[in-house]
C-alpha atoms as a PDB file:
ATOM      1  CA  MET A   1      91.289 128.722  94.451  1.00  0.00           C
ATOM      2  CA  ILE A   2      91.405 125.750  96.717  1.00  0.00           C
ATOM      3  CA  ASP A   3      92.122 127.340 100.037  1.00  0.00           C
ATOM      4  CA  LYS A   4      89.775 125.027 102.238  1.00  0.00           C
ATOM      5  CA  ILE A   5      89.467 121.341 102.107  1.00  0.00           C
ATOM      6  CA  LEU A   6      87.046 119.098 103.796  1.00  0.00           C
ATOM      7  CA  LEU A   7      88.422 115.356 104.334  1.00  0.00           C
ATOM      8  CA  ALA A   8      85.479 113.234 105.060  1.00  0.00           C
ATOM      9  CA  VAL A   9      87.191 109.900 106.653  1.00  0.00           C
ATOM     10  CA  SER A  10      85.362 106.857 107.707  1.00  0.00           C
ATOM     11  CA  GLY A  11      88.645 104.634 108.595  1.00  0.00           C
ATOM     12  CA  LEU A  12      88.609 102.796 105.262  1.00  0.00           C
ATOM     13  CA  GLY A  13      89.673 103.749 101.711  1.00  0.00           C
ATOM     14  CA  HIS A  14      92.507 105.958 100.250  1.00  0.00           C
ATOM     15  CA  ALA A  15      90.856 109.383 100.976  1.00  0.00           C
ATOM     16  CA  GLU A  16      93.949 110.413 103.147  1.00  0.00           C
ATOM     17  CA  GLU A  17      96.528 109.380 100.549  1.00  0.00           C
ATOM     18  CA  MET A  18      94.781 111.480  97.958  1.00  0.00           C
ATOM     19  CA  LEU A  19      94.950 114.478 100.407  1.00  0.00           C
ATOM     20  CA  LYS A  20      98.807 113.833 101.133  1.00  0.00           C
ATOM     21  CA  ALA A  21      99.133 113.615  97.230  1.00  0.00           C
ATOM     22  CA  LEU A  22      97.446 116.800  96.852  1.00  0.00           C
ATOM     23  CA  LYS A  23      99.356 118.646  99.627  1.00  0.00           C
ATOM     24  CA  GLU A  24     102.424 117.880  97.451  1.00  0.00           C
ATOM     25  CA  VAL A  25     100.937 120.024  94.953  1.00  0.00           C
ATOM     26  CA  PRO A  26     102.702 123.685  95.204  1.00  0.00           C
ATOM     27  CA  SER A  27      99.218 125.471  94.818  1.00  0.00           C
ATOM     28  CA  ILE A  28      97.867 123.274  97.510  1.00  0.00           C
ATOM     29  CA  LYS A  29     100.428 123.553 100.216  1.00  0.00           C
ATOM     30  CA  SER A  30      99.047 126.278 102.279  1.00  0.00           C
ATOM     31  CA  ALA A  31      95.505 125.137 102.093  1.00  0.00           C
ATOM     32  CA  LYS A  32      93.598 124.676 105.382  1.00  0.00           C
ATOM     33  CA  VAL A  33      92.367 121.039 106.113  1.00  0.00           C
ATOM     34  CA  THR A  34      89.460 119.992 108.041  1.00  0.00           C
ATOM     35  CA  VAL A  35      89.132 116.520 108.792  1.00  0.00           C
ATOM     36  CA  LEU A  36      85.582 114.995 109.416  1.00  0.00           C
ATOM     37  CA  HIS A  37      84.288 111.823 110.915  1.00  0.00           C
ATOM     38  CA  VAL A  38      80.720 111.316 111.450  1.00  0.00           C
ATOM     39  CA  VAL A  39      79.203 109.070 114.148  1.00  0.00           C
ATOM     40  CA  PRO A  40      75.993 107.789 113.221  1.00  0.00           C
ATOM     41  CA  SER A  41      73.431 107.916 116.036  1.00  0.00           C
ATOM     42  CA  GLN A  42      72.944 104.559 117.824  1.00  0.00           C
ATOM     43  CA  SER A  43      69.969 102.854 119.694  1.00  0.00           C
ATOM     44  CA  THR A  44      71.423 102.752 123.162  1.00  0.00           C
ATOM     45  CA  ALA A  45      73.865 105.090 125.259  1.00  0.00           C
ATOM     46  CA  ASN A  46      76.520 102.352 125.706  1.00  0.00           C
ATOM     47  CA  ALA A  47      76.506 101.856 121.804  1.00  0.00           C
ATOM     48  CA  MET A  48      76.819 105.458 121.346  1.00  0.00           C
ATOM     49  CA  THR A  49      79.624 105.880 123.713  1.00  0.00           C
ATOM     50  CA  GLU A  50      81.639 103.073 121.883  1.00  0.00           C
ATOM     51  CA  LYS A  51      80.877 104.542 118.384  1.00  0.00           C
ATOM     52  CA  TRP A  52      82.160 108.043 119.658  1.00  0.00           C
ATOM     53  CA  GLU A  53      85.249 106.518 121.140  1.00  0.00           C
ATOM     54  CA  GLU A  54      85.801 104.557 117.823  1.00  0.00           C
ATOM     55  CA  GLY A  55      85.460 107.899 115.888  1.00  0.00           C
ATOM     56  CA  GLY A  56      87.777 109.753 117.836  1.00  0.00           C
ATOM     57  CA  LYS A  57      90.463 106.840 117.197  1.00  0.00           C
ATOM     58  CA  ILE A  58      89.678 107.169 113.392  1.00  0.00           C
ATOM     59  CA  LEU A  59      90.047 110.814 113.505  1.00  0.00           C
ATOM     60  CA  ALA A  60      93.281 110.496 115.524  1.00  0.00           C
ATOM     61  CA  ASN A  61      94.658 107.931 112.997  1.00  0.00           C
ATOM     62  CA  ALA A  62      93.917 110.086 109.972  1.00  0.00           C
ATOM     63  CA  ILE A  63      95.599 113.107 111.402  1.00  0.00           C
ATOM     64  CA  GLN A  64      98.746 111.001 112.079  1.00  0.00           C
ATOM     65  CA  THR A  65      98.705 109.628 108.644  1.00  0.00           C
ATOM     66  CA  LEU A  66      98.445 113.069 106.877  1.00  0.00           C
ATOM     67  CA  ASN A  67     101.321 114.506 108.996  1.00  0.00           C
ATOM     68  CA  LEU A  68     100.385 117.736 108.447  1.00  0.00           C
ATOM     69  CA  ASP A  69     101.607 121.147 109.943  1.00  0.00           C
ATOM     70  CA  PRO A  70      99.264 121.446 113.191  1.00  0.00           C
ATOM     71  CA  SER A  71      98.702 124.871 111.882  1.00  0.00           C
ATOM     72  CA  GLN A  72      97.057 123.765 108.532  1.00  0.00           C
ATOM     73  CA  VAL A  73      94.764 121.198 110.044  1.00  0.00           C
ATOM     74  CA  SER A  74      91.921 120.882 112.621  1.00  0.00           C
ATOM     75  CA  SER A  75      89.234 117.975 113.083  1.00  0.00           C
ATOM     76  CA  ILE A  76      85.837 117.701 113.666  1.00  0.00           C
ATOM     77  CA  LEU A  77      83.895 114.871 115.240  1.00  0.00           C
ATOM     78  CA  ARG A  78      80.188 114.927 115.191  1.00  0.00           C
ATOM     79  CA  GLN A  79      76.966 112.805 115.498  1.00  0.00           C
ATOM     80  CA  GLY A  80      74.359 112.471 112.925  1.00  0.00           C
ATOM     81  CA  ASP A  81      73.578 111.200 109.485  1.00  0.00           C
ATOM     82  CA  PRO A  82      77.039 111.061 107.564  1.00  0.00           C
ATOM     83  CA  LYS A  83      75.181 112.361 104.366  1.00  0.00           C
ATOM     84  CA  ASP A  84      73.662 115.536 105.990  1.00  0.00           C
ATOM     85  CA  VAL A  85      76.623 116.303 108.226  1.00  0.00           C
ATOM     86  CA  VAL A  86      79.171 116.255 105.461  1.00  0.00           C
ATOM     87  CA  CYS A  87      77.123 118.832 103.592  1.00  0.00           C
ATOM     88  CA  GLN A  88      76.617 121.008 106.504  1.00  0.00           C
ATOM     89  CA  VAL A  89      80.147 120.943 107.415  1.00  0.00           C
ATOM     90  CA  ALA A  90      81.307 121.908 103.991  1.00  0.00           C
ATOM     91  CA  ASP A  91      78.920 124.849 104.166  1.00  0.00           C
ATOM     92  CA  GLU A  92      80.088 125.988 107.629  1.00  0.00           C
ATOM     93  CA  ILE A  93      83.699 125.871 106.587  1.00  0.00           C
ATOM     94  CA  ASP A  94      83.064 127.207 103.152  1.00  0.00           C
ATOM     95  CA  ALA A  95      84.976 124.321 101.661  1.00  0.00           C
ATOM     96  CA  ASP A  96      86.613 124.861  98.197  1.00  0.00           C
ATOM     97  CA  LEU A  97      86.977 120.958  97.790  1.00  0.00           C
ATOM     98  CA  ILE A  98      85.555 117.913  99.405  1.00  0.00           C
ATOM     99  CA  ILE A  99      87.443 114.760  99.433  1.00  0.00           C
ATOM    100  CA  MET A 100      85.751 111.318  99.989  1.00  0.00           C
ATOM    101  CA  GLY A 101      86.284 107.676  99.711  1.00  0.00           C
ATOM    102  CA  SER A 102      83.869 105.995  97.392  1.00  0.00           C
ATOM    103  CA  ARG A 103      82.981 101.965  96.969  1.00  0.00           C
ATOM    104  CA  GLY A 104      82.340 102.936  93.214  1.00  0.00           C
ATOM    105  CA  LEU A 105      78.958 101.538  93.377  1.00  0.00           C
ATOM    106  CA  LYS A 106      76.550 101.699  90.350  1.00  0.00           C
ATOM    107  CA  ARG A 107      73.616 104.025  90.230  1.00  0.00           C
ATOM    108  CA  LEU A 108      70.829 101.832  91.401  1.00  0.00           C
ATOM    109  CA  GLN A 109      73.099 100.345  94.130  1.00  0.00           C
ATOM    110  CA  SER A 110      74.030 103.926  95.370  1.00  0.00           C
ATOM    111  CA  ILE A 111      70.314 104.437  96.034  1.00  0.00           C
ATOM    112  CA  LEU A 112      69.653 101.101  97.498  1.00  0.00           C
ATOM    113  CA  SER A 113      73.026 101.239  99.813  1.00  0.00           C
ATOM    114  CA  ASN A 114      72.381 104.980 100.829  1.00  0.00           C
ATOM    115  CA  SER A 115      75.654 105.945  99.370  1.00  0.00           C
ATOM    116  CA  VAL A 116      76.924 108.852 101.403  1.00  0.00           C
ATOM    117  CA  SER A 117      79.454 110.114  98.520  1.00  0.00           C
ATOM    118  CA  GLN A 118      76.578 110.031  96.027  1.00  0.00           C
ATOM    119  CA  TYR A 119      74.160 111.867  98.139  1.00  0.00           C
ATOM    120  CA  VAL A 120      76.680 114.504  98.876  1.00  0.00           C
ATOM    121  CA  PHE A 121      77.573 115.011  95.231  1.00  0.00           C
ATOM    122  CA  GLN A 122      74.044 115.232  94.196  1.00  0.00           C
ATOM    123  CA  LEU A 123      73.181 117.869  96.889  1.00  0.00           C
ATOM    124  CA  SER A 124      76.399 119.971  97.228  1.00  0.00           C
ATOM    125  CA  SER A 125      77.689 122.584  94.345  1.00  0.00           C
ATOM    126  CA  ARG A 126      81.331 122.224  95.829  1.00  0.00           C
ATOM    127  CA  PRO A 127      83.715 120.471  93.875  1.00  0.00           C
ATOM    128  CA  MET A 128      84.178 116.832  95.041  1.00  0.00           C
ATOM    129  CA  LEU A 129      86.995 114.485  94.714  1.00  0.00           C
ATOM    130  CA  LEU A 130      86.183 110.765  94.832  1.00  0.00           C
ATOM    131  CA  VAL A 131      88.620 108.173  95.565  1.00  0.00           C
ATOM    132  CA  LYS A 132      87.522 104.511  95.180  1.00  0.00           C
ATOM    133  CA  ASP A 133      88.872 101.930  97.357  1.00  0.00           C
ATOM    134  CA  ASP A 134      90.159  99.966  94.381  1.00  0.00           C
ATOM    135  CA  ILE A 135      92.395 102.476  92.673  1.00  0.00           C
ATOM    136  CA  TYR A 136      96.047 103.384  93.386  1.00  0.00           C
ATOM    137  CA  VAL A 137      96.655 106.941  94.121  1.00  0.00           C
ATOM    138  CA  LYS A 138      99.645 108.270  92.262  1.00  0.00           C
ATOM    139  CA  ARG A 139     101.642 111.593  92.712  1.00  0.00           C
ATOM    140  CA  ILE A 140      99.747 114.305  90.533  1.00  0.00           C
ATOM    141  CA  ASN A 141     101.651 115.101  87.373  1.00  0.00           C
ATOM    142  CA  ARG A 142      99.273 114.208  84.489  1.00  0.00           C
ATOM    143  CA  VAL A 143      95.844 116.000  85.022  1.00  0.00           C
ATOM    144  CA  MET A 144      92.867 115.279  82.241  1.00  0.00           C
ATOM    145  CA  VAL A 145      90.106 117.300  81.507  1.00  0.00           C
ATOM    146  CA  ALA A 146      87.078 116.044  79.849  1.00  0.00           C
ATOM    147  CA  MET A 147      86.538 119.051  77.553  1.00  0.00           C
ATOM    148  CA  ASP A 148      83.254 120.333  75.811  1.00  0.00           C
ATOM    149  CA  ASN A 149      81.746 123.727  75.432  1.00  0.00           C
ATOM    150  CA  SER A 150      79.939 123.755  78.916  1.00  0.00           C
ATOM    151  CA  GLU A 151      80.439 126.222  81.666  1.00  0.00           C
ATOM    152  CA  SER A 152      81.229 123.107  84.019  1.00  0.00           C
ATOM    153  CA  ALA A 153      84.106 121.816  81.806  1.00  0.00           C
ATOM    154  CA  LYS A 154      85.486 125.329  81.487  1.00  0.00           C
ATOM    155  CA  HIS A 155      85.159 125.271  85.375  1.00  0.00           C
ATOM    156  CA  CYS A 156      87.307 122.252  85.608  1.00  0.00           C
ATOM    157  CA  LEU A 157      89.916 123.432  83.192  1.00  0.00           C
ATOM    158  CA  SER A 158      90.395 126.432  85.594  1.00  0.00           C
ATOM    159  CA  LEU A 159      90.549 124.006  88.393  1.00  0.00           C
ATOM    160  CA  ALA A 160      93.301 121.838  86.623  1.00  0.00           C
ATOM    161  CA  LEU A 161      95.422 124.855  85.614  1.00  0.00           C
ATOM    162  CA  PHE A 162      95.328 125.795  89.325  1.00  0.00           C
ATOM    163  CA  LEU A 163      96.607 122.385  90.466  1.00  0.00           C
ATOM    164  CA  LEU A 164      99.186 122.206  87.676  1.00  0.00           C
ATOM    165  CA  ARG A 165     100.694 125.420  88.736  1.00  0.00           C
ATOM    166  CA  GLY A 166     104.073 125.236  89.966  1.00  0.00           C
ATOM    167  CA  ILE A 167     104.386 121.238  89.050  1.00  0.00           C
ATOM    168  CA  GLU A 168     107.548 120.776  87.347  1.00  0.00           C
ATOM    169  CA  GLY A 169     106.854 118.613  84.402  1.00  0.00           C
ATOM    170  CA  GLY A 170     103.263 118.783  84.963  1.00  0.00           C
ATOM    171  CA  GLN A 171     100.997 117.899  82.137  1.00  0.00           C
ATOM    172  CA  LEU A 172      97.241 118.798  81.098  1.00  0.00           C
ATOM    173  CA  ILE A 173      95.662 116.370  78.866  1.00  0.00           C
ATOM    174  CA  LEU A 174      92.633 117.859  77.138  1.00  0.00           C
ATOM    175  CA  ALA A 175      90.182 115.150  75.858  1.00  0.00           C
ATOM    176  CA  ASN A 176      87.357 115.662  73.504  1.00  0.00           C
ATOM    177  CA  VAL A 177      84.775 112.761  72.730  1.00  0.00           C
ATOM    178  CA  ASN A 178      82.536 112.976  69.485  1.00  0.00           C
ATOM    179  CA  THR A 179      79.511 111.086  70.919  1.00  0.00           C
ATOM    180  CA  ASP A 180      78.752 107.953  69.197  1.00  0.00           C
ATOM    181  CA  LEU A 181      75.977 106.039  70.970  1.00  0.00           C
ATOM    182  CA  ARG A 182      76.168 103.091  68.937  1.00  0.00           C
ATOM    183  CA  GLY A 183      79.201 102.324  71.177  1.00  0.00           C
ATOM    184  CA  LYS A 184      81.786 101.969  68.218  1.00  0.00           C
ATOM    185  CA  SER A 185      85.214 103.419  69.616  1.00  0.00           C
ATOM    186  CA  SER A 186      87.816 105.196  67.481  1.00  0.00           C
ATOM    187  CA  GLU A 187      91.445 104.910  67.732  1.00  0.00           C
ATOM    188  CA  LEU A 188      92.879 107.367  70.286  1.00  0.00           C
ATOM    189  CA  ASN A 189      94.410 110.368  68.470  1.00  0.00           C
ATOM    190  CA  GLU A 190      96.337 113.160  69.457  1.00  0.00           C
ATOM    191  CA  VAL A 191      95.285 116.218  67.520  1.00  0.00           C
ATOM    192  CA  THR A 192      96.086 119.721  66.991  1.00  0.00           C
ATOM    193  CA  PRO A 193      93.708 122.045  68.401  1.00  0.00           C
ATOM    194  CA  ASP A 194      93.348 124.582  65.591  1.00  0.00           C
ATOM    195  CA  LYS A 195      90.228 122.710  63.956  1.00  0.00           C
ATOM    196  CA  ASN A 196      88.607 122.203  67.056  1.00  0.00           C
ATOM    197  CA  PRO A 197      87.278 125.419  68.862  1.00  0.00           C
ATOM    198  CA  VAL A 198      86.657 123.968  72.206  1.00  0.00           C
ATOM    199  CA  LEU A 199      90.163 122.489  72.482  1.00  0.00           C
ATOM    200  CA  ALA A 200      91.837 125.728  71.046  1.00  0.00           C
ATOM    201  CA  ALA A 201      90.368 127.834  73.647  1.00  0.00           C
ATOM    202  CA  ALA A 202      91.501 125.619  76.276  1.00  0.00           C
ATOM    203  CA  VAL A 203      95.070 125.329  75.033  1.00  0.00           C
ATOM    204  CA  ALA A 204      95.516 129.156  74.655  1.00  0.00           C
ATOM    205  CA  GLU A 205      94.328 129.446  78.343  1.00  0.00           C
ATOM    206  CA  ALA A 206      96.659 126.840  79.348  1.00  0.00           C
ATOM    207  CA  THR A 207      99.659 128.522  77.298  1.00  0.00           C
ATOM    208  CA  ARG A 208      98.798 131.778  78.819  1.00  0.00           C
ATOM    209  CA  GLN A 209      99.295 130.269  82.246  1.00  0.00           C
ATOM    210  CA  GLY A 210     102.564 128.491  81.294  1.00  0.00           C
ATOM    211  CA  VAL A 211     101.053 124.829  81.227  1.00  0.00           C
ATOM    212  CA  LYS A 212     101.772 122.464  78.758  1.00  0.00           C
ATOM    213  CA  ALA A 213      98.875 120.989  77.077  1.00  0.00           C
ATOM    214  CA  ARG A 214      98.179 117.762  74.842  1.00  0.00           C
ATOM    215  CA  CYS A 215      94.819 117.169  73.036  1.00  0.00           C
ATOM    216  CA  PHE A 216      93.357 113.929  72.274  1.00  0.00           C
ATOM    217  CA  SER A 217      90.144 112.971  70.605  1.00  0.00           C
ATOM    218  CA  SER A 218      87.936 109.861  70.171  1.00  0.00           C
ATOM    219  CA  SER A 219      84.563 108.912  69.165  1.00  0.00           C
ATOM    220  CA  GLY A 220      82.009 106.431  71.045  1.00  0.00           C
ATOM    221  CA  LYS A 221      79.988 106.695  74.318  1.00  0.00           C
ATOM    222  CA  PRO A 222      81.381 109.459  76.185  1.00  0.00           C
ATOM    223  CA  GLY A 223      81.484 107.837  79.631  1.00  0.00           C
ATOM    224  CA  GLU A 224      83.260 104.628  78.186  1.00  0.00           C
ATOM    225  CA  GLU A 225      85.812 106.756  76.154  1.00  0.00           C
ATOM    226  CA  ILE A 226      86.538 109.271  78.874  1.00  0.00           C
ATOM    227  CA  CYS A 227      87.461 106.322  81.222  1.00  0.00           C
ATOM    228  CA  ARG A 228      89.409 104.405  78.375  1.00  0.00           C
ATOM    229  CA  LEU A 229      91.340 107.752  77.618  1.00  0.00           C
ATOM    230  CA  ALA A 230      92.317 108.254  81.372  1.00  0.00           C
ATOM    231  CA  GLU A 231      93.450 104.626  81.707  1.00  0.00           C
ATOM    232  CA  GLU A 232      95.444 104.437  78.361  1.00  0.00           C
ATOM    233  CA  LEU A 233      97.107 107.744  78.978  1.00  0.00           C
ATOM    234  CA  SER A 234      97.941 107.039  82.727  1.00  0.00           C
ATOM    235  CA  VAL A 235      96.356 110.141  84.021  1.00  0.00           C
ATOM    236  CA  ASP A 236      96.929 110.867  87.677  1.00  0.00           C
ATOM    237  CA  LEU A 237      93.723 112.877  88.265  1.00  0.00           C
ATOM    238  CA  LEU A 238      90.511 113.252  86.010  1.00  0.00           C
ATOM    239  CA  LEU A 239      88.413 116.354  86.054  1.00  0.00           C
ATOM    240  CA  LEU A 240      84.942 116.075  84.973  1.00  0.00           C
ATOM    241  CA  GLY A 241      82.066 118.911  84.719  1.00  0.00           C
ATOM    242  CA  SER A 242      78.765 117.617  85.935  1.00  0.00           C
ATOM    243  CA  PRO A 243      75.721 120.251  84.893  1.00  0.00           C
ATOM    244  CA  ASP A 244      73.443 121.044  87.896  1.00  0.00           C
ATOM    245  CA  ARG A 245      70.201 119.301  86.456  1.00  0.00           C
ATOM    246  CA  ARG A 246      68.300 119.435  89.724  1.00  0.00           C
ATOM    247  CA  PRO A 247      65.142 121.722  89.471  1.00  0.00           C
ATOM    248  CA  SER A 248      65.604 124.799  91.705  1.00  0.00           C
ATOM    249  CA  VAL A 249      62.447 123.708  93.550  1.00  0.00           C
ATOM    250  CA  ALA A 250      63.816 120.412  94.679  1.00  0.00           C
ATOM    251  CA  LYS A 251      67.740 121.585  95.745  1.00  0.00           C
ATOM    252  CA  SER A 252      67.199 119.533  98.928  1.00  0.00           C
ATOM    253  CA  PHE A 253      66.294 116.289  97.303  1.00  0.00           C
ATOM    254  CA  VAL A 254      68.115 113.673  95.904  1.00  0.00           C
ATOM    255  CA  ASP A 255      67.190 113.671  92.041  1.00  0.00           C
ATOM    256  CA  ILE A 256      66.315 109.864  91.775  1.00  0.00           C
ATOM    257  CA  ASP A 257      65.461 110.231  88.138  1.00  0.00           C
ATOM    258  CA  ARG A 258      69.025 111.343  87.230  1.00  0.00           C
ATOM    259  CA  LEU A 259      70.746 108.588  89.685  1.00  0.00           C
ATOM    260  CA  ILE A 260      68.841 105.753  87.806  1.00  0.00           C
ATOM    261  CA  GLY A 261      68.838 107.419  84.278  1.00  0.00           C
ATOM    262  CA  SER A 262      71.810 107.805  81.951  1.00  0.00           C
ATOM    263  CA  SER A 263      74.407 110.179  83.856  1.00  0.00           C
ATOM    264  CA  LEU A 264      77.920 110.853  82.540  1.00  0.00           C
ATOM    265  CA  SER A 265      79.330 111.631  85.884  1.00  0.00           C
ATOM    266  CA  ASP A 266      78.038 108.507  87.396  1.00  0.00           C
ATOM    267  CA  TYR A 267      79.480 106.317  84.766  1.00  0.00           C
ATOM    268  CA  VAL A 268      82.890 107.853  85.361  1.00  0.00           C
ATOM    269  CA  ARG A 269      82.962 107.918  88.968  1.00  0.00           C
ATOM    270  CA  VAL A 270      82.193 104.194  88.966  1.00  0.00           C
ATOM    271  CA  ASN A 271      84.267 103.174  86.157  1.00  0.00           C
ATOM    272  CA  ALA A 272      87.522 105.390  85.963  1.00  0.00           C
ATOM    273  CA  THR A 273      90.678 103.746  87.060  1.00  0.00           C
ATOM    274  CA  CYS A 274      91.845 107.102  88.872  1.00  0.00           C
ATOM    275  CA  PRO A 275      90.644 109.478  91.120  1.00  0.00           C
ATOM    276  CA  VAL A 276      87.833 111.647  89.848  1.00  0.00           C
ATOM    277  CA  LEU A 277      87.090 115.430  90.761  1.00  0.00           C
ATOM    278  CA  LEU A 278      83.586 116.325  89.575  1.00  0.00           C
ATOM    279  CA  ALA A 279      82.711 119.845  89.612  1.00  0.00           C
ATOM    280  CA  ARG A 280      79.635 121.977  88.698  1.00  0.00           C
ATOM    281  CA  THR A 281      79.257 125.500  88.142  1.00  0.00           C
ATOM    282  CA  THR A 282      76.843 127.332  90.542  1.00  0.00           C
ATOM    283  CA  SER A 283      73.694 128.978  89.564  1.00  0.00           C
END
């Protein structure tokens, strides 16, 4: 399910560490990796030459840090707007997963600062793993999926089960939040899935694939509760579905209203204390 990974590097952050952790996962070991660095256009030829040389060093350092089998990794150094180039290369190689660093900027800040990761997530239908600069990347063992009845959540469940395949002692955590917009949080409860159809179906699928699953529920504001559950349960990787709310006539434009408005995926990517894999189903 994840055979081709695009790793976008900028010389800063934990994206390379995240890929190294992923490559320890049995189901990912044979995946091909493309490491991309984008050199923004410069106003003079000398400045462009300097940036190009600097970009080559960043790529070389990333490849050295990853220490992967040479047959499994390739590199691309390209000039252009990073936001556009990442999307273009992901399409060119038909990437199953994009990994990028993120400064964890809030929505309005993302717009004003021209956030690359926010732009790519808005415009790409491919799963995207965001790794904030201020988190600690751990070995992947405990994977959490925020479950509801959406197709994007079911897609995340499939990705989580794929990742957990072959991980000895791996654990799937299924979290279901009852929305209470007043912000009153409940206790964190481990529950049996028999009275919750969404969790029951997810547990049945996990059991069928030989993955141990635990179910937790809480109530409150969904974004806050998902982040709280992930932190309290020491989750190594959080998967969250994100419905594609972009109008079909505006697929090539960033949905500014959605960026400024209330968005569960935006809240979680900014506030979660672990890496976040955001995925949506394609129409």
